[in-house]
Each structure stands twice: as structure tokens, then as C-alpha cells.
């Protein structure tokens, strides 16, 4: 199956299932269509330890591969404090709690238009 054969919403759902299966903490999905040309959805989740972060990220990659997709990129897997999995239409961020609290990326993508 080619990357374009899986609709962005279906890929998003696939990622969410992987996050749930690995008990990711506080998963959040943000629809960024119309705000950026780089992706349609960003997902954010927290792992309880570096091992948990790595396992969650690997589960996201495995779920995508089961759908016939190869990630465009995977960053941070060695350190596993913050792992980014780029699946094209969905970018998944899996972080340790302190890293997620420090960068607060969700806030960047959820700023109210009237505040900008």
C-alpha cells in the first residue's frame, strides 16, 4: 500500500491505537490542516521512562508498517527523551513528562487565532 493509499484520518487512528495499546500517558491529537503544509495531524504523548518512550515510538512505527507505510523519519530513538516519528500525514511526538512540560508544543499548535 502506498503512503497516499491510507487516508490521513485512518493513519491518525492507527497511531492513536498504538499509543493506547502501549498505555501512553495523556495522548493528544491536533488537527493542523490549514495551518502548516508539512502534515495533517500532530500527536503528542508522554512515556513514564525512556524505555516506555522508546517502546511507544516503536509501536507507532510498527503500526504504520503493518499498514504498508515506511516512516519518513525517526528522530531521538537513541536517547528516547523525545522521539519524533514522521509518517507524512501524521507526525507523532513521544516525550518524557519533563520534556513535554518544558517545550509545550501543543500550545504552539492550539493558540487561538484571536490571540495571534
PDB file of N, CA and C in Angstrom:
ATOM      1  N   UNK A   1       0.847  -1.169   0.000  1.00  0.00           N
ATOM      2  CA  UNK A   1       0.000   0.000   0.000  1.00  0.00           C
ATOM      3  C   UNK A   1       0.891   1.231   0.000  1.00  0.00           C
ATOM      4  N   UNK A   2       0.615   2.176  -0.850  1.00  0.00           N
ATOM      5  CA  UNK A   2       1.411   3.390  -0.895  1.00  0.00           C
ATOM      6  C   UNK A   2       0.979   4.331   0.213  1.00  0.00           C
ATOM      7  N   UNK A   3       1.845   5.320   0.508  1.00  0.00           N
ATOM      8  CA  UNK A   3       1.537   6.254   1.585  1.00  0.00           C
ATOM      9  C   UNK A   3       0.230   6.979   1.329  1.00  0.00           C
ATOM     10  N   UNK A   4      -0.036   7.338   0.081  1.00  0.00           N
ATOM     11  CA  UNK A   4      -1.247   8.089  -0.227  1.00  0.00           C
ATOM     12  C   UNK A   4      -2.498   7.220  -0.165  1.00  0.00           C
ATOM     13  N   UNK A   5      -2.332   5.892  -0.145  1.00  0.00           N
ATOM     14  CA  UNK A   5      -3.490   5.000  -0.132  1.00  0.00           C
ATOM     15  C   UNK A   5      -4.187   4.986   1.231  1.00  0.00           C
ATOM     16  N   UNK A   6      -3.485   5.338   2.286  1.00  0.00           N
ATOM     17  CA  UNK A   6      -4.083   5.382   3.618  1.00  0.00           C
ATOM     18  C   UNK A   6      -4.439   6.832   3.928  1.00  0.00           C
ATOM     19  N   UNK A   7      -5.719   7.097   4.084  1.00  0.00           N
ATOM     20  CA  UNK A   7      -6.172   8.466   4.341  1.00  0.00           C
ATOM     21  C   UNK A   7      -5.575   8.990   5.640  1.00  0.00           C
ATOM     22  N   UNK A   8      -5.369  10.311   5.713  1.00  0.00           N
ATOM     23  CA  UNK A   8      -4.783  10.881   6.932  1.00  0.00           C
ATOM     24  C   UNK A   8      -5.544  10.506   8.206  1.00  0.00           C
ATOM     25  N   UNK A   9      -6.871  10.484   8.143  1.00  0.00           N
ATOM     26  CA  UNK A   9      -7.654  10.145   9.329  1.00  0.00           C
ATOM     27  C   UNK A   9      -7.431   8.692   9.744  1.00  0.00           C
ATOM     28  N   UNK A  10      -7.311   7.810   8.773  1.00  0.00           N
ATOM     29  CA  UNK A  10      -7.066   6.396   9.077  1.00  0.00           C
ATOM     30  C   UNK A  10      -5.678   6.213   9.687  1.00  0.00           C
ATOM     31  N   UNK A  11      -4.702   6.945   9.170  1.00  0.00           N
ATOM     32  CA  UNK A  11      -3.355   6.879   9.727  1.00  0.00           C
ATOM     33  C   UNK A  11      -3.347   7.446  11.148  1.00  0.00           C
ATOM     34  N   UNK A  12      -4.043   8.544  11.349  1.00  0.00           N
ATOM     35  CA  UNK A  12      -4.173   9.129  12.693  1.00  0.00           C
ATOM     36  C   UNK A  12      -4.755   8.095  13.661  1.00  0.00           C
ATOM     37  N   UNK A  13      -5.816   7.422  13.236  1.00  0.00           N
ATOM     38  CA  UNK A  13      -6.455   6.416  14.088  1.00  0.00           C
ATOM     39  C   UNK A  13      -5.509   5.258  14.392  1.00  0.00           C
ATOM     40  N   UNK A  14      -4.706   4.888  13.418  1.00  0.00           N
ATOM     41  CA  UNK A  14      -3.711   3.824  13.590  1.00  0.00           C
ATOM     42  C   UNK A  14      -2.693   4.227  14.665  1.00  0.00           C
ATOM     43  N   UNK A  15      -2.246   5.474  14.607  1.00  0.00           N
ATOM     44  CA  UNK A  15      -1.285   5.985  15.592  1.00  0.00           C
ATOM     45  C   UNK A  15      -1.927   6.031  16.978  1.00  0.00           C
ATOM     46  N   UNK A  16      -3.153   6.514  17.060  1.00  0.00           N
ATOM     47  CA  UNK A  16      -3.855   6.598  18.347  1.00  0.00           C
ATOM     48  C   UNK A  16      -4.004   5.211  18.972  1.00  0.00           C
ATOM     49  N   UNK A  17      -4.320   4.222  18.159  1.00  0.00           N
ATOM     50  CA  UNK A  17      -4.436   2.852  18.662  1.00  0.00           C
ATOM     51  C   UNK A  17      -3.103   2.370  19.233  1.00  0.00           C
ATOM     52  N   UNK A  18      -2.005   2.660  18.533  1.00  0.00           N
ATOM     53  CA  UNK A  18      -0.682   2.265  19.024  1.00  0.00           C
ATOM     54  C   UNK A  18      -0.375   2.961  20.350  1.00  0.00           C
ATOM     55  N   UNK A  19      -0.716   4.237  20.456  1.00  0.00           N
ATOM     56  CA  UNK A  19      -0.493   4.966  21.706  1.00  0.00           C
ATOM     57  C   UNK A  19      -1.296   4.343  22.846  1.00  0.00           C
ATOM     58  N   UNK A  20      -2.549   4.030  22.562  1.00  0.00           N
ATOM     59  CA  UNK A  20      -3.409   3.413  23.582  1.00  0.00           C
ATOM     60  C   UNK A  20      -2.909   2.027  23.983  1.00  0.00           C
ATOM     61  N   UNK A  21      -2.506   1.239  22.989  1.00  0.00           N
ATOM     62  CA  UNK A  21      -2.037  -0.123  23.260  1.00  0.00           C
ATOM     63  C   UNK A  21      -0.825  -0.140  24.188  1.00  0.00           C
ATOM     64  N   UNK A  22       0.029   0.858  24.063  1.00  0.00           N
ATOM     65  CA  UNK A  22       1.237   0.912  24.889  1.00  0.00           C
ATOM     66  C   UNK A  22       1.059   1.785  26.123  1.00  0.00           C
ATOM     67  N   UNK A  23      -0.183   2.152  26.398  1.00  0.00           N
ATOM     68  CA  UNK A  23      -0.512   2.922  27.607  1.00  0.00           C
ATOM     69  C   UNK A  23       0.233   4.254  27.676  1.00  0.00           C
ATOM     70  N   UNK A  24       0.305   4.958  26.535  1.00  0.00           N
ATOM     71  CA  UNK A  24       0.885   6.296  26.525  1.00  0.00           C
ATOM     72  C   UNK A  24       0.050   7.196  27.437  1.00  0.00           C
ATOM     73  N   UNK A  25       0.724   8.094  28.116  1.00  0.00           N
ATOM     74  CA  UNK A  25       0.067   8.996  29.058  1.00  0.00           C
ATOM     75  C   UNK A  25      -0.367  10.269  28.331  1.00  0.00           C
ATOM     76  N   UNK A  26      -1.580  10.705  28.584  1.00  0.00           N
ATOM     77  CA  UNK A  26      -2.118  11.967  28.080  1.00  0.00           C
ATOM     78  C   UNK A  26      -1.926  12.153  26.567  1.00  0.00           C
ATOM     79  N   UNK A  27      -2.384  11.187  25.767  1.00  0.00           N
ATOM     80  CA  UNK A  27      -2.253  11.360  24.315  1.00  0.00           C
ATOM     81  C   UNK A  27      -3.134  12.514  23.836  1.00  0.00           C
ATOM     82  N   UNK A  28      -2.614  13.271  22.904  1.00  0.00           N
ATOM     83  CA  UNK A  28      -3.353  14.409  22.357  1.00  0.00           C
ATOM     84  C   UNK A  28      -3.146  14.441  20.855  1.00  0.00           C
ATOM     85  N   UNK A  29      -4.229  14.675  20.127  1.00  0.00           N
ATOM     86  CA  UNK A  29      -4.186  14.741  18.669  1.00  0.00           C
ATOM     87  C   UNK A  29      -4.634  16.133  18.267  1.00  0.00           C
ATOM     88  N   UNK A  30      -3.829  16.788  17.435  1.00  0.00           N
ATOM     89  CA  UNK A  30      -4.167  18.130  16.982  1.00  0.00           C
ATOM     90  C   UNK A  30      -4.233  18.138  15.461  1.00  0.00           C
ATOM     91  N   UNK A  31      -5.348  18.607  14.940  1.00  0.00           N
ATOM     92  CA  UNK A  31      -5.559  18.755  13.504  1.00  0.00           C
ATOM     93  C   UNK A  31      -4.894  20.063  13.079  1.00  0.00           C
ATOM     94  N   UNK A  32      -3.840  19.962  12.285  1.00  0.00           N
ATOM     95  CA  UNK A  32      -3.109  21.162  11.855  1.00  0.00           C
ATOM     96  C   UNK A  32      -3.301  21.444  10.367  1.00  0.00           C
ATOM     97  N   UNK A  33      -4.296  20.790   9.768  1.00  0.00           N
ATOM     98  CA  UNK A  33      -4.582  21.072   8.364  1.00  0.00           C
ATOM     99  C   UNK A  33      -4.948  22.547   8.227  1.00  0.00           C
ATOM    100  N   UNK A  34      -4.415  23.180   7.225  1.00  0.00           N
ATOM    101  CA  UNK A  34      -4.671  24.600   7.015  1.00  0.00           C
ATOM    102  C   UNK A  34      -3.742  25.512   7.793  1.00  0.00           C
ATOM    103  N   UNK A  35      -2.968  24.951   8.720  1.00  0.00           N
ATOM    104  CA  UNK A  35      -2.013  25.753   9.493  1.00  0.00           C
ATOM    105  C   UNK A  35      -0.577  25.531   9.060  1.00  0.00           C
ATOM    106  N   UNK A  36      -0.317  24.357   8.499  1.00  0.00           N
ATOM    107  CA  UNK A  36       1.030  24.026   8.045  1.00  0.00           C
ATOM    108  C   UNK A  36       0.935  23.052   6.879  1.00  0.00           C
ATOM    109  N   UNK A  37       1.833  23.179   5.917  1.00  0.00           N
ATOM    110  CA  UNK A  37       1.819  22.236   4.794  1.00  0.00           C
ATOM    111  C   UNK A  37       2.573  20.938   5.084  1.00  0.00           C
ATOM    112  N   UNK A  38       3.210  20.832   6.247  1.00  0.00           N
ATOM    113  CA  UNK A  38       4.077  19.679   6.487  1.00  0.00           C
ATOM    114  C   UNK A  38       3.350  18.421   6.921  1.00  0.00           C
ATOM    115  N   UNK A  39       2.163  18.561   7.508  1.00  0.00           N
ATOM    116  CA  UNK A  39       1.430  17.390   7.995  1.00  0.00           C
ATOM    117  C   UNK A  39      -0.029  17.754   8.217  1.00  0.00           C
ATOM    118  N   UNK A  40      -0.865  16.750   8.407  1.00  0.00           N
ATOM    119  CA  UNK A  40      -2.283  16.983   8.697  1.00  0.00           C
ATOM    120  C   UNK A  40      -2.590  16.894  10.191  1.00  0.00           C
ATOM    121  N   UNK A  41      -1.918  15.971  10.866  1.00  0.00           N
ATOM    122  CA  UNK A  41      -2.166  15.771  12.296  1.00  0.00           C
ATOM    123  C   UNK A  41      -0.849  15.654  13.044  1.00  0.00           C
ATOM    124  N   UNK A  42      -0.828  16.205  14.250  1.00  0.00           N
ATOM    125  CA  UNK A  42       0.287  16.000  15.165  1.00  0.00           C
ATOM    126  C   UNK A  42      -0.267  15.294  16.386  1.00  0.00           C
ATOM    127  N   UNK A  43       0.454  14.289  16.827  1.00  0.00           N
ATOM    128  CA  UNK A  43       0.068  13.601  18.054  1.00  0.00           C
ATOM    129  C   UNK A  43       1.165  13.813  19.086  1.00  0.00           C
ATOM    130  N   UNK A  44       0.742  13.927  20.322  1.00  0.00           N
ATOM    131  CA  UNK A  44       1.658  14.122  21.441  1.00  0.00           C
ATOM    132  C   UNK A  44       1.292  13.117  22.519  1.00  0.00           C
ATOM    133  N   UNK A  45       2.298  12.510  23.112  1.00  0.00           N
ATOM    134  CA  UNK A  45       2.055  11.552  24.185  1.00  0.00           C
ATOM    135  C   UNK A  45       3.271  11.517  25.099  1.00  0.00           C
ATOM    136  N   UNK A  46       3.033  11.091  26.322  1.00  0.00           N
ATOM    137  CA  UNK A  46       4.088  11.013  27.322  1.00  0.00           C
ATOM    138  C   UNK A  46       4.348   9.558  27.676  1.00  0.00           C
ATOM    139  N   UNK A  47       5.638   9.258  27.862  1.00  0.00           N
ATOM    140  CA  UNK A  47       6.046   7.960  28.374  1.00  0.00           C
ATOM    141  C   UNK A  47       6.577   8.126  29.785  1.00  0.00           C
ATOM    142  N   UNK A  48       6.449   7.090  30.600  1.00  0.00           N
ATOM    143  CA  UNK A  48       6.861   7.152  32.004  1.00  0.00           C
ATOM    144  C   UNK A  48       8.363   7.008  32.216  1.00  0.00           C
ATOM    145  N   UNK A  49       9.064   6.521  31.208  1.00  0.00           N
ATOM    146  CA  UNK A  49      10.509   6.326  31.297  1.00  0.00           C
ATOM    147  C   UNK A  49      11.058   6.346  29.874  1.00  0.00           C
ATOM    148  N   UNK A  50      12.373   6.394  29.756  1.00  0.00           N
ATOM    149  CA  UNK A  50      12.974   6.357  28.413  1.00  0.00           C
ATOM    150  C   UNK A  50      12.598   5.067  27.690  1.00  0.00           C
ATOM    151  N   UNK A  51      12.597   3.979  28.421  1.00  0.00           N
ATOM    152  CA  UNK A  51      12.226   2.698  27.813  1.00  0.00           C
ATOM    153  C   UNK A  51      10.778   2.740  27.319  1.00  0.00           C
ATOM    154  N   UNK A  52       9.891   3.344  28.111  1.00  0.00           N
ATOM    155  CA  UNK A  52       8.483   3.455  27.726  1.00  0.00           C
ATOM    156  C   UNK A  52       8.333   4.353  26.493  1.00  0.00           C
ATOM    157  N   UNK A  53       9.051   5.484  26.470  1.00  0.00           N
ATOM    158  CA  UNK A  53       9.020   6.382  25.306  1.00  0.00           C
ATOM    159  C   UNK A  53       9.456   5.622  24.061  1.00  0.00           C
ATOM    160  N   UNK A  54      10.557   4.896  24.175  1.00  0.00           N
ATOM    161  CA  UNK A  54      11.070   4.133  23.032  1.00  0.00           C
ATOM    162  C   UNK A  54      10.062   3.073  22.580  1.00  0.00           C
ATOM    163  N   UNK A  55       9.474   2.363  23.524  1.00  0.00           N
ATOM    164  CA  UNK A  55       8.500   1.318  23.185  1.00  0.00           C
ATOM    165  C   UNK A  55       7.271   1.896  22.491  1.00  0.00           C
ATOM    166  N   UNK A  56       6.797   3.037  22.978  1.00  0.00           N
ATOM    167  CA  UNK A  56       5.644   3.684  22.345  1.00  0.00           C
ATOM    168  C   UNK A  56       5.987   4.080  20.915  1.00  0.00           C
ATOM    169  N   UNK A  57       7.134   4.725  20.736  1.00  0.00           N
ATOM    170  CA  UNK A  57       7.543   5.158  19.394  1.00  0.00           C
ATOM    171  C   UNK A  57       7.696   3.962  18.457  1.00  0.00           C
ATOM    172  N   UNK A  58       8.295   2.891  18.944  1.00  0.00           N
ATOM    173  CA  UNK A  58       8.447   1.691  18.115  1.00  0.00           C
ATOM    174  C   UNK A  58       7.091   1.088  17.765  1.00  0.00           C
ATOM    175  N   UNK A  59       6.130   1.167  18.679  1.00  0.00           N
ATOM    176  CA  UNK A  59       4.780   0.662  18.395  1.00  0.00           C
ATOM    177  C   UNK A  59       4.108   1.493  17.304  1.00  0.00           C
ATOM    178  N   UNK A  60       4.339   2.799  17.313  1.00  0.00           N
ATOM    179  CA  UNK A  60       3.802   3.670  16.256  1.00  0.00           C
ATOM    180  C   UNK A  60       4.404   3.282  14.907  1.00  0.00           C
ATOM    181  N   UNK A  61       5.715   3.080  14.888  1.00  0.00           N
ATOM    182  CA  UNK A  61       6.396   2.672  13.650  1.00  0.00           C
ATOM    183  C   UNK A  61       5.868   1.322  13.178  1.00  0.00           C
ATOM    184  N   UNK A  62       5.751   0.367  14.086  1.00  0.00           N
ATOM    185  CA  UNK A  62       5.255  -0.968  13.723  1.00  0.00           C
ATOM    186  C   UNK A  62       3.832  -0.909  13.184  1.00  0.00           C
ATOM    187  N   UNK A  63       2.988  -0.094  13.809  1.00  0.00           N
ATOM    188  CA  UNK A  63       1.596   0.036  13.349  1.00  0.00           C
ATOM    189  C   UNK A  63       1.547   0.608  11.936  1.00  0.00           C
ATOM    190  N   UNK A  64       2.391   1.578  11.658  1.00  0.00           N
ATOM    191  CA  UNK A  64       2.441   2.155  10.309  1.00  0.00           C
ATOM    192  C   UNK A  64       2.936   1.119   9.307  1.00  0.00           C
ATOM    193  N   UNK A  65       3.958   0.381   9.680  1.00  0.00           N
ATOM    194  CA  UNK A  65       4.499  -0.643   8.772  1.00  0.00           C
ATOM    195  C   UNK A  65       3.479  -1.737   8.486  1.00  0.00           C
ATOM    196  N   UNK A  66       2.646  -2.060   9.477  1.00  0.00           N
ATOM    197  CA  UNK A  66       1.582  -3.047   9.253  1.00  0.00           C
ATOM    198  C   UNK A  66       0.586  -2.561   8.206  1.00  0.00           C
ATOM    199  N   UNK A  67       0.501  -1.252   8.035  1.00  0.00           N
ATOM    200  CA  UNK A  67      -0.371  -0.664   7.013  1.00  0.00           C
ATOM    201  C   UNK A  67       0.374  -0.454   5.695  1.00  0.00           C
ATOM    202  N   UNK A  68       1.622  -0.919   5.642  1.00  0.00           N
ATOM    203  CA  UNK A  68       2.414  -0.809   4.423  1.00  0.00           C
ATOM    204  C   UNK A  68       3.134   0.516   4.271  1.00  0.00           C
ATOM    205  N   UNK A  69       3.269   1.267   5.354  1.00  0.00           N
ATOM    206  CA  UNK A  69       3.922   2.577   5.306  1.00  0.00           C
ATOM    207  C   UNK A  69       5.292   2.529   5.959  1.00  0.00           C
ATOM    208  N   UNK A  70       6.196   3.301   5.381  1.00  0.00           N
ATOM    209  CA  UNK A  70       7.512   3.485   5.991  1.00  0.00           C
ATOM    210  C   UNK A  70       7.575   4.891   6.542  1.00  0.00           C
ATOM    211  N   UNK A  71       8.057   5.060   7.754  1.00  0.00           N
ATOM    212  CA  UNK A  71       8.199   6.418   8.286  1.00  0.00           C
ATOM    213  C   UNK A  71       9.136   7.248   7.413  1.00  0.00           C
ATOM    214  N   UNK A  72       8.803   8.520   7.253  1.00  0.00           N
ATOM    215  CA  UNK A  72       9.672   9.448   6.533  1.00  0.00           C
ATOM    216  C   UNK A  72      10.926   9.700   7.351  1.00  0.00           C
ATOM    217  N   UNK A  73      10.772   9.719   8.661  1.00  0.00           N
ATOM    218  CA  UNK A  73      11.909   9.929   9.543  1.00  0.00           C
ATOM    219  C   UNK A  73      11.583   9.559  10.975  1.00  0.00           C
ATOM    220  N   UNK A  74      12.623   9.169  11.698  1.00  0.00           N
ATOM    221  CA  UNK A  74      12.509   8.878  13.129  1.00  0.00           C
ATOM    222  C   UNK A  74      13.699   9.566  13.790  1.00  0.00           C
ATOM    223  N   UNK A  75      13.415  10.433  14.743  1.00  0.00           N
ATOM    224  CA  UNK A  75      14.476  11.167  15.430  1.00  0.00           C
ATOM    225  C   UNK A  75      14.377  10.942  16.928  1.00  0.00           C
ATOM    226  N   UNK A  76      15.522  10.816  17.575  1.00  0.00           N
ATOM    227  CA  UNK A  76      15.571  10.761  19.030  1.00  0.00           C
ATOM    228  C   UNK A  76      15.454   9.383  19.647  1.00  0.00           C
ATOM    229  N   UNK A  77      15.427   8.348  18.835  1.00  0.00           N
ATOM    230  CA  UNK A  77      15.225   7.000  19.362  1.00  0.00           C
ATOM    231  C   UNK A  77      16.378   6.560  20.268  1.00  0.00           C
ATOM    232  N   UNK A  78      17.594   6.970  19.954  1.00  0.00           N
ATOM    233  CA  UNK A  78      18.745   6.562  20.769  1.00  0.00           C
ATOM    234  C   UNK A  78      18.662   7.102  22.194  1.00  0.00           C
ATOM    235  N   UNK A  79      18.314   8.368  22.334  1.00  0.00           N
ATOM    236  CA  UNK A  79      18.236   8.995  23.655  1.00  0.00           C
ATOM    237  C   UNK A  79      16.898   8.711  24.335  1.00  0.00           C
ATOM    238  N   UNK A  80      15.838   8.698  23.547  1.00  0.00           N
ATOM    239  CA  UNK A  80      14.476   8.369  23.995  1.00  0.00           C
ATOM    240  C   UNK A  80      13.918   9.293  25.076  1.00  0.00           C
ATOM    241  N   UNK A  81      14.353  10.551  25.074  1.00  0.00           N
ATOM    242  CA  UNK A  81      13.686  11.555  25.907  1.00  0.00           C
ATOM    243  C   UNK A  81      12.528  12.164  25.124  1.00  0.00           C
ATOM    244  N   UNK A  82      12.758  12.318  23.812  1.00  0.00           N
ATOM    245  CA  UNK A  82      11.747  12.857  22.901  1.00  0.00           C
ATOM    246  C   UNK A  82      11.976  12.164  21.567  1.00  0.00           C
ATOM    247  N   UNK A  83      11.022  11.383  21.155  1.00  0.00           N
ATOM    248  CA  UNK A  83      11.121  10.690  19.873  1.00  0.00           C
ATOM    249  C   UNK A  83      10.060  11.265  18.947  1.00  0.00           C
ATOM    250  N   UNK A  84      10.477  11.633  17.753  1.00  0.00           N
ATOM    251  CA  UNK A  84       9.575  12.129  16.725  1.00  0.00           C
ATOM    252  C   UNK A  84       9.499  11.074  15.634  1.00  0.00           C
ATOM    253  N   UNK A  85       8.288  10.679  15.278  1.00  0.00           N
ATOM    254  CA  UNK A  85       8.066   9.733  14.187  1.00  0.00           C
ATOM    255  C   UNK A  85       7.270  10.470  13.120  1.00  0.00           C
ATOM    256  N   UNK A  86       7.901  10.696  11.972  1.00  0.00           N
ATOM    257  CA  UNK A  86       7.264  11.412  10.866  1.00  0.00           C
ATOM    258  C   UNK A  86       6.682  10.394   9.898  1.00  0.00           C
ATOM    259  N   UNK A  87       5.362  10.364   9.830  1.00  0.00           N
ATOM    260  CA  UNK A  87       4.658   9.446   8.933  1.00  0.00           C
ATOM    261  C   UNK A  87       4.027  10.194   7.760  1.00  0.00           C
ATOM    262  N   UNK A  88       4.484  11.398   7.519  1.00  0.00           N
ATOM    263  CA  UNK A  88       3.924  12.193   6.430  1.00  0.00           C
ATOM    264  C   UNK A  88       2.677  12.927   6.890  1.00  0.00           C
ATOM    265  N   UNK A  89       1.526  12.294   6.758  1.00  0.00           N
ATOM    266  CA  UNK A  89       0.260  12.927   7.140  1.00  0.00           C
ATOM    267  C   UNK A  89       0.075  13.043   8.649  1.00  0.00           C
ATOM    268  N   UNK A  90       0.861  12.294   9.403  1.00  0.00           N
ATOM    269  CA  UNK A  90       0.814  12.344  10.869  1.00  0.00           C
ATOM    270  C   UNK A  90       2.248  12.399  11.392  1.00  0.00           C
ATOM    271  N   UNK A  91       2.488  13.330  12.309  1.00  0.00           N
ATOM    272  CA  UNK A  91       3.773  13.398  12.999  1.00  0.00           C
ATOM    273  C   UNK A  91       3.497  13.099  14.466  1.00  0.00           C
ATOM    274  N   UNK A  92       4.152  12.068  14.983  1.00  0.00           N
ATOM    275  CA  UNK A  92       3.950  11.650  16.371  1.00  0.00           C
ATOM    276  C   UNK A  92       5.142  12.082  17.221  1.00  0.00           C
ATOM    277  N   UNK A  93       4.847  12.749  18.324  1.00  0.00           N
ATOM    278  CA  UNK A  93       5.855  13.151  19.302  1.00  0.00           C
ATOM    279  C   UNK A  93       5.603  12.333  20.565  1.00  0.00           C
ATOM    280  N   UNK A  94       6.613  11.624  21.031  1.00  0.00           N
ATOM    281  CA  UNK A  94       6.513  10.865  22.279  1.00  0.00           C
ATOM    282  C   UNK A  94       7.636  11.365  23.179  1.00  0.00           C
ATOM    283  N   UNK A  95       7.283  11.835  24.375  1.00  0.00           N
ATOM    284  CA  UNK A  95       8.259  12.507  25.223  1.00  0.00           C
ATOM    285  C   UNK A  95       8.152  12.066  26.675  1.00  0.00           C
ATOM    286  N   UNK A  96       9.251  12.261  27.383  1.00  0.00           N
ATOM    287  CA  UNK A  96       9.205  12.168  28.834  1.00  0.00           C
ATOM    288  C   UNK A  96       8.400  13.358  29.350  1.00  0.00           C
ATOM    289  N   UNK A  97       7.821  13.221  30.524  1.00  0.00           N
ATOM    290  CA  UNK A  97       6.952  14.276  31.053  1.00  0.00           C
ATOM    291  C   UNK A  97       7.664  15.620  31.182  1.00  0.00           C
ATOM    292  N   UNK A  98       8.902  15.629  31.713  1.00  0.00           N
ATOM    293  CA  UNK A  98       9.590  16.909  31.893  1.00  0.00           C
ATOM    294  C   UNK A  98       9.925  17.570  30.565  1.00  0.00           C
ATOM    295  N   UNK A  99      10.215  16.786  29.553  1.00  0.00           N
ATOM    296  CA  UNK A  99      10.495  17.331  28.222  1.00  0.00           C
ATOM    297  C   UNK A  99       9.215  17.919  27.627  1.00  0.00           C
ATOM    298  N   UNK A 100       8.132  17.191  27.746  1.00  0.00           N
ATOM    299  CA  UNK A 100       6.847  17.680  27.219  1.00  0.00           C
ATOM    300  C   UNK A 100       6.418  18.960  27.940  1.00  0.00           C
ATOM    301  N   UNK A 101       6.603  19.005  29.253  1.00  0.00           N
ATOM    302  CA  UNK A 101       6.260  20.205  30.018  1.00  0.00           C
ATOM    303  C   UNK A 101       7.144  21.392  29.636  1.00  0.00           C
ATOM    304  N   UNK A 102       8.411  21.129  29.358  1.00  0.00           N
ATOM    305  CA  UNK A 102       9.340  22.203  29.017  1.00  0.00           C
ATOM    306  C   UNK A 102       9.007  22.825  27.659  1.00  0.00           C
ATOM    307  N   UNK A 103       8.815  21.999  26.635  1.00  0.00           N
ATOM    308  CA  UNK A 103       8.603  22.519  25.279  1.00  0.00           C
ATOM    309  C   UNK A 103       7.151  22.929  25.008  1.00  0.00           C
ATOM    310  N   UNK A 104       6.195  22.264  25.644  1.00  0.00           N
ATOM    311  CA  UNK A 104       4.779  22.611  25.498  1.00  0.00           C
ATOM    312  C   UNK A 104       4.370  22.837  24.034  1.00  0.00           C
ATOM    313  N   UNK A 105       4.728  21.898  23.188  1.00  0.00           N
ATOM    314  CA  UNK A 105       4.453  22.027  21.754  1.00  0.00           C
ATOM    315  C   UNK A 105       2.970  22.123  21.435  1.00  0.00           C
ATOM    316  N   UNK A 106       2.140  21.459  22.215  1.00  0.00           N
ATOM    317  CA  UNK A 106       0.702  21.523  21.952  1.00  0.00           C
ATOM    318  C   UNK A 106       0.213  22.965  21.975  1.00  0.00           C
ATOM    319  N   UNK A 107       0.792  23.753  22.845  1.00  0.00           N
ATOM    320  CA  UNK A 107       0.363  25.153  22.963  1.00  0.00           C
ATOM    321  C   UNK A 107       0.634  25.920  21.672  1.00  0.00           C
ATOM    322  N   UNK A 108       1.725  25.620  21.012  1.00  0.00           N
ATOM    323  CA  UNK A 108       2.049  26.291  19.750  1.00  0.00           C
ATOM    324  C   UNK A 108       0.961  26.035  18.720  1.00  0.00           C
ATOM    325  N   UNK A 109       0.473  24.803  18.680  1.00  0.00           N
ATOM    326  CA  UNK A 109      -0.484  24.415  17.638  1.00  0.00           C
ATOM    327  C   UNK A 109      -1.934  24.635  18.029  1.00  0.00           C
ATOM    328  N   UNK A 110      -2.179  25.057  19.268  1.00  0.00           N
ATOM    329  CA  UNK A 110      -3.563  25.274  19.686  1.00  0.00           C
ATOM    330  C   UNK A 110      -3.831  26.720  20.074  1.00  0.00           C
ATOM    331  N   UNK A 111      -2.943  27.626  19.713  1.00  0.00           N
ATOM    332  CA  UNK A 111      -3.144  29.042  20.011  1.00  0.00           C
ATOM    333  C   UNK A 111      -4.404  29.517  19.303  1.00  0.00           C
ATOM    334  N   UNK A 112      -5.245  30.191  20.039  1.00  0.00           N
ATOM    335  CA  UNK A 112      -6.472  30.756  19.486  1.00  0.00           C
ATOM    336  C   UNK A 112      -6.096  31.824  18.460  1.00  0.00           C
ATOM    337  N   UNK A 113      -6.721  31.777  17.291  1.00  0.00           N
ATOM    338  CA  UNK A 113      -6.438  32.735  16.222  1.00  0.00           C
ATOM    339  C   UNK A 113      -6.589  34.179  16.712  1.00  0.00           C
ATOM    340  N   UNK A 114      -7.509  34.451  17.620  1.00  0.00           N
ATOM    341  CA  UNK A 114      -7.727  35.813  18.101  1.00  0.00           C
ATOM    342  C   UNK A 114      -6.570  36.304  18.976  1.00  0.00           C
ATOM    343  N   UNK A 115      -5.778  35.364  19.514  1.00  0.00           N
ATOM    344  CA  UNK A 115      -4.641  35.739  20.347  1.00  0.00           C
ATOM    345  C   UNK A 115      -3.404  36.044  19.521  1.00  0.00           C
ATOM    346  N   UNK A 116      -3.356  35.543  18.297  1.00  0.00           N
ATOM    347  CA  UNK A 116      -2.159  35.693  17.465  1.00  0.00           C
ATOM    348  C   UNK A 116      -2.010  37.108  16.938  1.00  0.00           C
TER     349      UNK A 116
END
